[in-house]
C-alpha atoms as a PDB file:
ATOM      1  CA  MET A   1       0.000   0.000   0.000  1.00  0.00           C
ATOM      2  CA  THR A   2       1.397   3.310  -1.000  1.00  0.00           C
ATOM      3  CA  ASN A   3       1.186   6.432   1.037  1.00  0.00           C
ATOM      4  CA  GLN A   4      -0.955   8.965  -0.724  1.00  0.00           C
ATOM      5  CA  GLU A   5      -0.255  12.588   0.008  1.00  0.00           C
ATOM      6  CA  TYR A   6      -3.107  15.002  -0.017  1.00  0.00           C
ATOM      7  CA  PRO A   7      -2.425  18.567  -0.905  1.00  0.00           C
ATOM      8  CA  SER A   8      -2.684  20.835   2.129  1.00  0.00           C
ATOM      9  CA  LYS A   9      -4.877  23.898   1.987  1.00  0.00           C
ATOM     10  CA  SER A  10      -3.127  27.180   2.102  1.00  0.00           C
ATOM     11  CA  ASP A  11      -4.131  29.876   4.570  1.00  0.00           C
ATOM     12  CA  ASP A  12      -5.706  31.789   1.737  1.00  0.00           C
ATOM     13  CA  GLU A  13      -8.200  29.031   0.988  1.00  0.00           C
ATOM     14  CA  GLN A  14     -11.561  29.238   2.701  1.00  0.00           C
ATOM     15  CA  SER A  15     -13.048  26.069   4.195  1.00  0.00           C
ATOM     16  CA  PRO A  16     -16.699  25.639   3.287  1.00  0.00           C
ATOM     17  CA  TYR A  17     -17.392  24.563   6.859  1.00  0.00           C
ATOM     18  CA  LYS A  18     -15.721  27.511   8.523  1.00  0.00           C
ATOM     19  CA  PRO A  19     -18.185  30.029  10.017  1.00  0.00           C
ATOM     20  CA  PRO A  20     -18.237  33.421   8.313  1.00  0.00           C
ATOM     21  CA  THR A  21     -16.341  36.234   9.928  1.00  0.00           C
ATOM     22  CA  ALA A  22     -16.690  39.975   9.641  1.00  0.00           C
ATOM     23  CA  GLN A  23     -14.335  42.811  10.328  1.00  0.00           C
ATOM     24  CA  MET A  24     -15.519  44.816  13.349  1.00  0.00           C
ATOM     25  CA  THR A  25     -14.524  48.447  13.413  1.00  0.00           C
ATOM     26  CA  GLU A  26     -15.099  50.722  16.343  1.00  0.00           C
ATOM     27  CA  VAL A  27     -16.367  54.217  15.708  1.00  0.00           C
ATOM     28  CA  MET A  28     -13.952  56.576  17.405  1.00  0.00           C
ATOM     29  CA  SER A  29     -13.670  60.297  17.763  1.00  0.00           C
ATOM     30  CA  GLU A  30     -10.663  62.399  16.898  1.00  0.00           C
ATOM     31  CA  ASN A  31      -9.404  61.574  20.379  1.00  0.00           C
ATOM     32  CA  ASP A  32      -9.758  57.830  19.767  1.00  0.00           C
ATOM     33  CA  SER A  33     -11.909  57.603  22.848  1.00  0.00           C
ATOM     34  CA  GLY A  34     -15.408  57.023  21.478  1.00  0.00           C
ATOM     35  CA  GLU A  35     -18.090  58.526  19.330  1.00  0.00           C
ATOM     36  CA  LEU A  36     -18.838  62.019  20.581  1.00  0.00           C
ATOM     37  CA  ALA A  37     -22.413  62.582  21.751  1.00  0.00           C
ATOM     38  CA  GLY A  38     -24.491  64.949  19.666  1.00  0.00           C
ATOM     39  CA  ARG A  39     -25.111  68.472  20.874  1.00  0.00           C
ATOM     40  CA  GLY A  40     -28.875  68.031  20.805  1.00  0.00           C
ATOM     41  CA  THR A  41     -28.580  64.749  22.664  1.00  0.00           C
ATOM     42  CA  ARG A  42     -26.571  66.393  25.434  1.00  0.00           C
ATOM     43  CA  LEU A  43     -29.061  69.260  25.664  1.00  0.00           C
ATOM     44  CA  VAL A  44     -32.022  66.924  26.040  1.00  0.00           C
ATOM     45  CA  ALA A  45     -30.160  64.883  28.661  1.00  0.00           C
ATOM     46  CA  HIS A  46     -29.512  68.077  30.619  1.00  0.00           C
ATOM     47  CA  LEU A  47     -33.173  69.132  30.375  1.00  0.00           C
ATOM     48  CA  ALA A  48     -34.311  65.676  31.443  1.00  0.00           C
ATOM     49  CA  ASP A  49     -32.117  65.869  34.542  1.00  0.00           C
ATOM     50  CA  GLY A  50     -33.721  69.192  35.429  1.00  0.00           C
ATOM     51  CA  PHE A  51     -37.283  67.978  34.940  1.00  0.00           C
ATOM     52  CA  ILE A  52     -36.593  64.900  37.054  1.00  0.00           C
ATOM     53  CA  PHE A  53     -36.040  67.234  40.027  1.00  0.00           C
ATOM     54  CA  ILE A  54     -38.745  69.776  39.156  1.00  0.00           C
ATOM     55  CA  ILE A  55     -41.686  67.389  38.766  1.00  0.00           C
ATOM     56  CA  PRO A  56     -41.593  65.989  42.352  1.00  0.00           C
ATOM     57  CA  PHE A  57     -41.340  69.546  43.689  1.00  0.00           C
ATOM     58  CA  MET A  58     -44.387  70.621  41.658  1.00  0.00           C
ATOM     59  CA  PHE A  59     -46.372  67.655  42.974  1.00  0.00           C
ATOM     60  CA  PHE A  60     -45.302  68.638  46.495  1.00  0.00           C
ATOM     61  CA  VAL A  61     -46.588  72.204  46.016  1.00  0.00           C
ATOM     62  CA  PHE A  62     -49.837  70.878  44.582  1.00  0.00           C
ATOM     63  CA  ALA A  63     -50.314  68.415  47.441  1.00  0.00           C
ATOM     64  CA  ALA A  64     -49.393  70.997  50.093  1.00  0.00           C
ATOM     65  CA  LEU A  65     -52.098  73.339  48.843  1.00  0.00           C
ATOM     66  CA  PHE A  66     -54.828  70.735  48.464  1.00  0.00           C
ATOM     67  CA  MET A  67     -54.207  68.215  51.251  1.00  0.00           C
ATOM     68  CA  GLY A  68     -54.916  70.357  54.272  1.00  0.00           C
ATOM     69  CA  VAL A  69     -51.792  72.501  54.510  1.00  0.00           C
ATOM     70  CA  ASN A  70     -53.677  75.785  54.461  1.00  0.00           C
ATOM     71  CA  ILE A  71     -54.485  78.648  56.747  1.00  0.00           C
ATOM     72  CA  GLU A  72     -57.774  77.155  57.972  1.00  0.00           C
ATOM     73  CA  ASN A  73     -56.022  74.235  59.655  1.00  0.00           C
ATOM     74  CA  LEU A  74     -52.985  75.961  61.139  1.00  0.00           C
ATOM     75  CA  GLU A  75     -54.353  75.482  64.656  1.00  0.00           C
ATOM     76  CA  GLU A  76     -54.983  71.764  64.130  1.00  0.00           C
ATOM     77  CA  SER A  77     -52.259  69.210  64.741  1.00  0.00           C
ATOM     78  CA  GLU A  78     -53.299  67.246  61.647  1.00  0.00           C
ATOM     79  CA  ASN A  79     -52.183  70.129  59.464  1.00  0.00           C
ATOM     80  CA  GLY A  80     -48.700  70.119  60.878  1.00  0.00           C
ATOM     81  CA  LEU A  81     -48.548  66.338  60.551  1.00  0.00           C
ATOM     82  CA  ILE A  82     -49.639  66.397  56.903  1.00  0.00           C
ATOM     83  CA  GLY A  83     -47.168  69.166  56.095  1.00  0.00           C
ATOM     84  CA  GLY A  84     -44.372  67.236  57.790  1.00  0.00           C
ATOM     85  CA  VAL A  85     -45.222  64.013  55.953  1.00  0.00           C
ATOM     86  CA  LEU A  86     -45.306  65.824  52.605  1.00  0.00           C
ATOM     87  CA  MET A  87     -41.966  67.492  53.280  1.00  0.00           C
ATOM     88  CA  LEU A  88     -40.441  64.175  54.375  1.00  0.00           C
ATOM     89  CA  PHE A  89     -41.799  62.461  51.253  1.00  0.00           C
ATOM     90  CA  LEU A  90     -40.371  65.167  48.985  1.00  0.00           C
ATOM     91  CA  SER A  91     -37.026  65.031  50.779  1.00  0.00           C
ATOM     92  CA  LEU A  92     -36.824  61.263  50.369  1.00  0.00           C
ATOM     93  CA  ILE A  93     -37.582  61.531  46.641  1.00  0.00           C
ATOM     94  CA  MET A  94     -34.954  64.239  46.162  1.00  0.00           C
ATOM     95  CA  ILE A  95     -32.387  62.233  48.132  1.00  0.00           C
ATOM     96  CA  ALA A  96     -33.206  59.096  46.121  1.00  0.00           C
ATOM     97  CA  ILE A  97     -32.741  60.940  42.816  1.00  0.00           C
ATOM     98  CA  PHE A  98     -29.481  62.441  44.068  1.00  0.00           C
ATOM     99  CA  VAL A  99     -28.161  59.053  45.255  1.00  0.00           C
ATOM    100  CA  VAL A 100     -29.105  57.312  41.989  1.00  0.00           C
ATOM    101  CA  ASN A 101     -27.276  60.020  40.051  1.00  0.00           C
ATOM    102  CA  LEU A 102     -24.178  59.602  42.232  1.00  0.00           C
ATOM    103  CA  ILE A 103     -24.191  55.812  41.837  1.00  0.00           C
ATOM    104  CA  TRP A 104     -24.569  55.948  38.060  1.00  0.00           C
ATOM    105  CA  LEU A 105     -21.976  58.707  37.759  1.00  0.00           C
ATOM    106  CA  HIS A 106     -19.544  56.595  39.785  1.00  0.00           C
ATOM    107  CA  ARG A 107     -20.199  53.420  37.795  1.00  0.00           C
ATOM    108  CA  ASN A 108     -20.738  54.659  34.261  1.00  0.00           C
ATOM    109  CA  GLY A 109     -20.291  58.440  34.197  1.00  0.00           C
ATOM    110  CA  GLN A 110     -24.022  58.849  33.660  1.00  0.00           C
ATOM    111  CA  THR A 111     -26.771  60.901  35.238  1.00  0.00           C
ATOM    112  CA  ILE A 112     -30.353  59.728  34.859  1.00  0.00           C
ATOM    113  CA  GLY A 113     -30.795  62.008  31.839  1.00  0.00           C
ATOM    114  CA  LYS A 114     -27.575  60.791  30.215  1.00  0.00           C
ATOM    115  CA  ARG A 115     -28.595  57.185  30.832  1.00  0.00           C
ATOM    116  CA  ILE A 116     -31.912  57.825  29.106  1.00  0.00           C
ATOM    117  CA  MET A 117     -30.081  59.322  26.125  1.00  0.00           C
ATOM    118  CA  LEU A 118     -27.438  56.504  26.051  1.00  0.00           C
ATOM    119  CA  ILE A 119     -24.473  58.825  26.562  1.00  0.00           C
ATOM    120  CA  LYS A 120     -21.809  59.009  29.265  1.00  0.00           C
ATOM    121  CA  ILE A 121     -18.876  61.052  30.576  1.00  0.00           C
ATOM    122  CA  VAL A 122     -15.321  59.726  30.126  1.00  0.00           C
ATOM    123  CA  ARG A 123     -11.785  61.089  30.239  1.00  0.00           C
ATOM    124  CA  THR A 124     -10.374  62.392  26.966  1.00  0.00           C
ATOM    125  CA  ASP A 125      -8.272  59.218  26.679  1.00  0.00           C
ATOM    126  CA  GLY A 126     -11.413  57.069  26.914  1.00  0.00           C
ATOM    127  CA  ASN A 127     -10.831  55.890  30.465  1.00  0.00           C
ATOM    128  CA  ARG A 128     -13.497  55.878  33.155  1.00  0.00           C
ATOM    129  CA  VAL A 129     -13.903  59.196  34.935  1.00  0.00           C
ATOM    130  CA  GLY A 130     -13.935  59.227  38.723  1.00  0.00           C
ATOM    131  CA  LEU A 131     -16.840  60.578  40.747  1.00  0.00           C
ATOM    132  CA  LEU A 132     -14.636  63.078  42.600  1.00  0.00           C
ATOM    133  CA  ARG A 133     -13.367  64.502  39.310  1.00  0.00           C
ATOM    134  CA  ILE A 134     -16.951  64.948  38.115  1.00  0.00           C
ATOM    135  CA  ILE A 135     -18.001  66.693  41.319  1.00  0.00           C
ATOM    136  CA  PHE A 136     -14.965  68.828  42.114  1.00  0.00           C
ATOM    137  CA  LEU A 137     -13.663  69.598  38.618  1.00  0.00           C
ATOM    138  CA  ARG A 138     -16.666  69.285  36.329  1.00  0.00           C
ATOM    139  CA  PHE A 139     -19.398  70.757  38.526  1.00  0.00           C
ATOM    140  CA  PHE A 140     -18.085  72.930  41.377  1.00  0.00           C
ATOM    141  CA  PRO A 141     -15.726  75.240  39.432  1.00  0.00           C
ATOM    142  CA  ILE A 142     -18.465  76.422  37.059  1.00  0.00           C
ATOM    143  CA  ALA A 143     -20.960  76.687  39.929  1.00  0.00           C
ATOM    144  CA  LEU A 144     -18.540  78.879  41.878  1.00  0.00           C
ATOM    145  CA  LEU A 145     -17.439  80.980  38.903  1.00  0.00           C
ATOM    146  CA  SER A 146     -21.064  81.572  37.873  1.00  0.00           C
ATOM    147  CA  ASN A 147     -21.728  83.286  41.214  1.00  0.00           C
ATOM    148  CA  ILE A 148     -18.967  85.861  40.810  1.00  0.00           C
ATOM    149  CA  PRO A 149     -20.504  89.340  40.456  1.00  0.00           C
ATOM    150  CA  LEU A 150     -20.422  90.840  36.947  1.00  0.00           C
ATOM    151  CA  ILE A 151     -18.489  88.056  35.218  1.00  0.00           C
ATOM    152  CA  GLY A 152     -20.509  85.177  36.641  1.00  0.00           C
ATOM    153  CA  GLY A 153     -23.271  85.577  34.073  1.00  0.00           C
ATOM    154  CA  ILE A 154     -20.746  85.650  31.228  1.00  0.00           C
ATOM    155  CA  ILE A 155     -19.132  82.433  32.454  1.00  0.00           C
ATOM    156  CA  ALA A 156     -22.508  80.741  32.862  1.00  0.00           C
ATOM    157  CA  LEU A 157     -23.350  81.662  29.249  1.00  0.00           C
ATOM    158  CA  LEU A 158     -19.920  80.800  27.859  1.00  0.00           C
ATOM    159  CA  ASP A 159     -19.873  77.322  29.397  1.00  0.00           C
ATOM    160  CA  PRO A 160     -22.693  75.761  27.303  1.00  0.00           C
ATOM    161  CA  LEU A 161     -21.851  77.765  24.172  1.00  0.00           C
ATOM    162  CA  MET A 162     -18.431  76.118  23.958  1.00  0.00           C
ATOM    163  CA  ILE A 163     -20.172  72.898  22.922  1.00  0.00           C
ATOM    164  CA  PHE A 164     -20.296  74.339  19.402  1.00  0.00           C
ATOM    165  CA  GLN A 165     -16.556  73.774  19.085  1.00  0.00           C
ATOM    166  CA  LYS A 166     -15.411  70.896  16.890  1.00  0.00           C
ATOM    167  CA  SER A 167     -14.447  68.971  20.034  1.00  0.00           C
ATOM    168  CA  ARG A 168     -17.966  69.542  21.488  1.00  0.00           C
ATOM    169  CA  ARG A 169     -16.405  70.220  24.884  1.00  0.00           C
ATOM    170  CA  CYS A 170     -18.002  72.749  27.209  1.00  0.00           C
ATOM    171  CA  LEU A 171     -15.909  74.782  29.604  1.00  0.00           C
ATOM    172  CA  HIS A 172     -16.555  72.303  32.421  1.00  0.00           C
ATOM    173  CA  ASP A 173     -15.339  69.484  30.128  1.00  0.00           C
ATOM    174  CA  GLN A 174     -12.086  71.301  29.509  1.00  0.00           C
ATOM    175  CA  ILE A 175     -11.545  72.000  33.208  1.00  0.00           C
ATOM    176  CA  ALA A 176     -12.160  68.347  34.134  1.00  0.00           C
ATOM    177  CA  ASP A 177     -10.449  66.870  31.037  1.00  0.00           C
ATOM    178  CA  THR A 178     -13.612  65.003  30.055  1.00  0.00           C
ATOM    179  CA  ILE A 179     -15.753  64.416  27.004  1.00  0.00           C
ATOM    180  CA  VAL A 180     -19.281  63.070  26.546  1.00  0.00           C
ATOM    181  CA  ILE A 181     -19.609  60.101  24.206  1.00  0.00           C
ATOM    182  CA  ASN A 182     -22.248  57.628  23.098  1.00  0.00           C
ATOM    183  CA  ALA A 183     -22.375  54.844  25.667  1.00  0.00           C
ATOM    184  CA  PHE A 184     -22.454  52.196  22.949  1.00  0.00           C
ATOM    185  CA  PRO A 185     -20.103  53.026  20.043  1.00  0.00           C
ATOM    186  CA  GLY A 186     -21.690  52.273  16.709  1.00  0.00           C
ATOM    187  CA  VAL A 187     -25.188  52.277  18.230  1.00  0.00           C
ATOM    188  CA  ARG A 188     -27.149  55.367  17.389  1.00  0.00           C
ATOM    189  CA  ALA A 189     -28.169  57.363  20.445  1.00  0.00           C
ATOM    190  CA  ARG A 190     -31.842  57.995  21.062  1.00  0.00           C
ATOM    191  CA  SER A 191     -33.215  60.844  19.027  1.00  0.00           C
ATOM    192  CA  PRO A 192     -33.529  64.078  21.027  1.00  0.00           C
ATOM    193  CA  PHE A 193     -36.822  64.751  19.293  1.00  0.00           C
ATOM    194  CA  MET A 194     -38.199  61.412  20.481  1.00  0.00           C
ATOM    195  CA  ILE A 195     -37.206  62.173  24.082  1.00  0.00           C
ATOM    196  CA  ILE A 196     -38.700  65.652  23.802  1.00  0.00           C
ATOM    197  CA  ALA A 197     -41.919  64.115  22.508  1.00  0.00           C
ATOM    198  CA  ILE A 198     -42.256  61.383  25.130  1.00  0.00           C
ATOM    199  CA  VAL A 199     -40.615  63.003  28.180  1.00  0.00           C
ATOM    200  CA  ILE A 200     -40.116  66.766  28.009  1.00  0.00           C
ATOM    201  CA  ILE A 201     -43.435  67.778  26.437  1.00  0.00           C
ATOM    202  CA  PRO A 202     -45.578  65.644  28.793  1.00  0.00           C
ATOM    203  CA  ALA A 203     -43.534  66.950  31.736  1.00  0.00           C
ATOM    204  CA  MET A 204     -44.133  70.534  30.633  1.00  0.00           C
ATOM    205  CA  LEU A 205     -47.860  69.809  30.246  1.00  0.00           C
ATOM    206  CA  ILE A 206     -47.961  68.378  33.762  1.00  0.00           C
ATOM    207  CA  ILE A 207     -46.152  71.417  35.139  1.00  0.00           C
ATOM    208  CA  GLY A 208     -48.510  73.710  33.221  1.00  0.00           C
ATOM    209  CA  ILE A 209     -51.581  71.955  34.589  1.00  0.00           C
ATOM    210  CA  LEU A 210     -50.222  71.991  38.113  1.00  0.00           C
ATOM    211  CA  ALA A 211     -49.331  75.662  37.777  1.00  0.00           C
ATOM    212  CA  ALA A 212     -52.801  76.509  36.460  1.00  0.00           C
ATOM    213  CA  VAL A 213     -54.309  74.885  39.527  1.00  0.00           C
ATOM    214  CA  ALA A 214     -51.642  75.753  42.075  1.00  0.00           C
ATOM    215  CA  ILE A 215     -51.220  79.460  41.304  1.00  0.00           C
ATOM    216  CA  PRO A 216     -54.844  80.408  42.152  1.00  0.00           C
ATOM    217  CA  ALA A 217     -54.629  78.182  45.216  1.00  0.00           C
ATOM    218  CA  PHE A 218     -51.404  79.858  46.240  1.00  0.00           C
ATOM    219  CA  VAL A 219     -53.038  83.279  45.877  1.00  0.00           C
ATOM    220  CA  ASP A 220     -55.890  82.109  48.118  1.00  0.00           C
ATOM    221  CA  TYR A 221     -53.373  80.722  50.587  1.00  0.00           C
ATOM    222  CA  SER A 222     -51.475  84.033  50.664  1.00  0.00           C
ATOM    223  CA  ASN A 223     -54.731  85.896  51.216  1.00  0.00           C
ATOM    224  CA  LYS A 224     -55.609  83.607  54.106  1.00  0.00           C
ATOM    225  CA  VAL A 225     -52.198  84.197  55.662  1.00  0.00           C
ATOM    226  CA  GLN A 226     -52.699  87.957  55.474  1.00  0.00           C
ATOM    227  CA  VAL A 227     -56.180  87.714  56.955  1.00  0.00           C
ATOM    228  CA  ALA A 228     -54.867  85.488  59.744  1.00  0.00           C
ATOM    229  CA  GLN A 229     -52.184  88.056  60.535  1.00  0.00           C
ATOM    230  CA  THR A 230     -54.856  90.755  60.730  1.00  0.00           C
ATOM    231  CA  VAL A 231     -57.023  88.635  63.035  1.00  0.00           C
ATOM    232  CA  ASN A 232     -53.970  88.058  65.243  1.00  0.00           C
ATOM    233  CA  LEU A 233     -53.475  91.833  65.466  1.00  0.00           C
ATOM    234  CA  LEU A 234     -57.084  92.187  66.599  1.00  0.00           C
ATOM    235  CA  ASP A 235     -56.677  89.369  69.109  1.00  0.00           C
ATOM    236  CA  ASP A 236     -53.655  91.150  70.587  1.00  0.00           C
ATOM    237  CA  LEU A 237     -55.957  94.029  71.502  1.00  0.00           C
ATOM    238  CA  LYS A 238     -58.279  91.941  73.675  1.00  0.00           C
ATOM    239  CA  SER A 239     -56.335  91.952  76.939  1.00  0.00           C
ATOM    240  CA  PRO A 240     -55.344  95.660  76.792  1.00  0.00           C
ATOM    241  CA  ALA A 241     -58.949  96.583  75.955  1.00  0.00           C
ATOM    242  CA  GLU A 242     -60.312  94.548  78.859  1.00  0.00           C
ATOM    243  CA  GLU A 243     -57.840  96.167  81.254  1.00  0.00           C
ATOM    244  CA  TYR A 244     -58.721  99.630  79.910  1.00  0.00           C
ATOM    245  CA  TYR A 245     -62.455  98.976  80.343  1.00  0.00           C
ATOM    246  CA  ALA A 246     -61.947  97.624  83.860  1.00  0.00           C
ATOM    247  CA  SER A 247     -59.991 100.702  84.940  1.00  0.00           C
ATOM    248  CA  MET A 248     -61.743 103.445  82.947  1.00  0.00           C
ATOM    249  CA  GLY A 249     -65.254 102.051  82.632  1.00  0.00           C
ATOM    250  CA  VAL A 250     -65.370 102.772  78.884  1.00  0.00           C
ATOM    251  CA  PHE A 251     -64.218 101.060  75.727  1.00  0.00           C
ATOM    252  CA  PRO A 252     -60.899 102.393  74.330  1.00  0.00           C
ATOM    253  CA  PRO A 253     -61.652 105.372  72.045  1.00  0.00           C
ATOM    254  CA  ASP A 254     -58.628 104.625  69.856  1.00  0.00           C
ATOM    255  CA  ILE A 255     -55.886 102.041  69.437  1.00  0.00           C
ATOM    256  CA  ALA A 256     -53.072 104.315  70.577  1.00  0.00           C
ATOM    257  CA  SER A 257     -54.599 104.534  74.048  1.00  0.00           C
ATOM    258  CA  ILE A 258     -54.034 100.838  74.719  1.00  0.00           C
ATOM    259  CA  LYS A 259     -51.322  99.705  72.275  1.00  0.00           C
ATOM    260  CA  PRO A 260     -49.308 102.433  70.535  1.00  0.00           C
ATOM    261  CA  THR A 261     -47.273  99.908  68.535  1.00  0.00           C
ATOM    262  CA  SER A 262     -50.247  98.104  67.013  1.00  0.00           C
ATOM    263  CA  GLU A 263     -50.046  99.811  63.606  1.00  0.00           C
ATOM    264  CA  SER A 264     -49.592  97.500  60.630  1.00  0.00           C
ATOM    265  CA  LEU A 265     -48.431  98.043  57.072  1.00  0.00           C
ATOM    266  CA  PHE A 266     -51.179  95.828  55.669  1.00  0.00           C
ATOM    267  CA  ALA A 267     -54.200  96.789  57.823  1.00  0.00           C
ATOM    268  CA  ASN A 268     -55.696  99.887  59.433  1.00  0.00           C
ATOM    269  CA  ILE A 269     -57.428  99.224  62.760  1.00  0.00           C
ATOM    270  CA  VAL A 270     -59.911 101.644  64.287  1.00  0.00           C
ATOM    271  CA  SER A 271     -61.877 101.557  67.556  1.00  0.00           C
ATOM    272  CA  ASN A 272     -65.573 102.269  68.071  1.00  0.00           C
ATOM    273  CA  ASP A 273     -66.174 103.131  71.741  1.00  0.00           C
ATOM    274  CA  VAL A 274     -69.945 103.392  71.237  1.00  0.00           C
ATOM    275  CA  ASP A 275     -70.634  99.913  69.923  1.00  0.00           C
ATOM    276  CA  PHE A 276     -67.570  98.344  71.527  1.00  0.00           C
ATOM    277  CA  TYR A 277     -65.634  96.900  68.610  1.00  0.00           C
ATOM    278  CA  PHE A 278     -62.358  97.097  66.737  1.00  0.00           C
ATOM    279  CA  GLN A 279     -62.452  97.013  62.937  1.00  0.00           C
ATOM    280  CA  ALA A 280     -59.517  96.304  60.640  1.00  0.00           C
ATOM    281  CA  THR A 281     -59.441  97.405  56.997  1.00  0.00           C
ATOM    282  CA  LEU A 282     -56.873  95.721  54.774  1.00  0.00           C
ATOM    283  CA  LEU A 283     -54.719  98.188  52.876  1.00  0.00           C
ATOM    284  CA  GLU A 284     -52.790  96.178  50.290  1.00  0.00           C
ATOM    285  CA  GLU A 285     -53.389  97.619  46.824  1.00  0.00           C
ATOM    286  CA  ASP A 286     -53.889  95.464  43.714  1.00  0.00           C
ATOM    287  CA  SER A 287     -55.226  92.685  45.907  1.00  0.00           C
ATOM    288  CA  GLN A 288     -58.563  90.937  46.298  1.00  0.00           C
ATOM    289  CA  LEU A 289     -58.426  91.929  49.955  1.00  0.00           C
ATOM    290  CA  SER A 290     -57.971  95.671  49.490  1.00  0.00           C
ATOM    291  CA  GLY A 291     -60.654  97.534  51.463  1.00  0.00           C
ATOM    292  CA  LYS A 292     -62.084  94.384  53.066  1.00  0.00           C
ATOM    293  CA  THR A 293     -62.962  94.659  56.758  1.00  0.00           C
ATOM    294  CA  ILE A 294     -62.847  92.379  59.806  1.00  0.00           C
ATOM    295  CA  ARG A 295     -64.574  93.220  63.092  1.00  0.00           C
ATOM    296  CA  LEU A 296     -63.824  92.126  66.656  1.00  0.00           C
ATOM    297  CA  SER A 297     -66.744  92.984  68.988  1.00  0.00           C
ATOM    298  CA  TYR A 298     -66.687  93.082  72.800  1.00  0.00           C
ATOM    299  CA  GLU A 299     -69.501  92.144  75.199  1.00  0.00           C
ATOM    300  CA  PRO A 300     -68.594  93.642  78.596  1.00  0.00           C
ATOM    301  CA  TYR A 301     -71.322  91.830  80.586  1.00  0.00           C
ATOM    302  CA  SER A 302     -70.057  88.386  79.598  1.00  0.00           C
ATOM    303  CA  ASN A 303     -66.496  89.588  78.978  1.00  0.00           C
ATOM    304  CA  SER A 304     -66.535  87.816  75.605  1.00  0.00           C
ATOM    305  CA  TRP A 305     -65.302  88.654  72.117  1.00  0.00           C
ATOM    306  CA  THR A 306     -66.835  87.886  68.714  1.00  0.00           C
ATOM    307  CA  CYS A 307     -64.914  87.891  65.445  1.00  0.00           C
ATOM    308  CA  SER A 308     -66.879  88.457  62.238  1.00  0.00           C
ATOM    309  CA  PRO A 309     -66.726  90.107  58.795  1.00  0.00           C
ATOM    310  CA  GLY A 310     -66.766  93.891  59.136  1.00  0.00           C
ATOM    311  CA  TYR A 311     -69.225  96.432  57.790  1.00  0.00           C
ATOM    312  CA  PRO A 312     -69.223  97.717  55.157  1.00  0.00           C
ATOM    313  CA  ASN A 313     -67.310  95.545  52.678  1.00  0.00           C
ATOM    314  CA  GLY A 314     -66.911  92.606  55.030  1.00  0.00           C
ATOM    315  CA  MET A 315     -64.190  90.020  54.433  1.00  0.00           C
ATOM    316  CA  ASP A 316     -65.190  86.932  52.421  1.00  0.00           C
ATOM    317  CA  ASN A 317     -65.852  83.899  54.582  1.00  0.00           C
ATOM    318  CA  LYS A 318     -63.407  81.694  52.656  1.00  0.00           C
ATOM    319  CA  TYR A 319     -60.469  83.786  53.835  1.00  0.00           C
ATOM    320  CA  LEU A 320     -61.548  84.033  57.475  1.00  0.00           C
ATOM    321  CA  PRO A 321     -60.729  81.548  60.245  1.00  0.00           C
ATOM    322  CA  ARG A 322     -63.708  79.350  61.002  1.00  0.00           C
ATOM    323  CA  ARG A 323     -64.485  81.174  64.258  1.00  0.00           C
ATOM    324  CA  CYS A 324     -64.851  84.479  62.366  1.00  0.00           C
ATOM    325  CA  ARG A 325     -67.158  83.324  59.617  1.00  0.00           C
ATOM    326  CA  ASN A 326     -70.660  84.689  59.323  1.00  0.00           C
ATOM    327  CA  ASP A 327     -72.371  81.387  58.470  1.00  0.00           C
END
């Protein structure tokens, strides 16, 4: 039997059973550290980070105005409890958002907004950026410089405008020696317009709706605070008036005779020594309360006081404490 030699295949020959291969190329920037994130993508990521903090705060304001934290319940313990719970809840949400941002920045150089947009912060050589560098070189210097009188506004404007350079590096990037790249080279980042459509616009609508409801409620709340302050001024006159009546046998003819320092910038209080009452007229101009009156009447036989809307132009019941309403 003869030995038969089979021709060996050269390296250039392709085996029909060999799996296909493809050349993989990595998309790199001019710094060979990754594909630079788009300017619009970075902008949307920044806006998303802002809205993530704003929305919980808006819900807190809305809840505070409509869940019992108002002037009518200031004397009730439940009001203080509800306000405390709401503040605690908001604080926990803010802390949670802050902690998540710190964790993701430490691990991947990403905030929540950057994670949504599939971009991240790295060093210019492509290496991972440390959390301390992000905080103390990327964030704090610009925050401090922006608060310098006169030039602070220029620096705050210059920082984002520098993204229009070819390197797409803002001032804070140059200080910290960082760049922002796509988190997955070769994979297209999410479209800024898509994020605006599904995140930013709905968030703005929510804020608009909350504002439309919360602003009138806040005005009512402010009015109630001012009315409560006026009622407190009237209440402060009770003891001096009782002492004056006990010693003089008549009701105080004016406020100065019992409490010279009782004048207020937002209310004018007068005394009626015939019918035994004090009446406050609110002075604030361009306000729903301007010219409205509140009366505190004295009954000497029972030594009792009655709070009520004044006459004329008595204060609306909705702004008065419950004990002063004319139901």
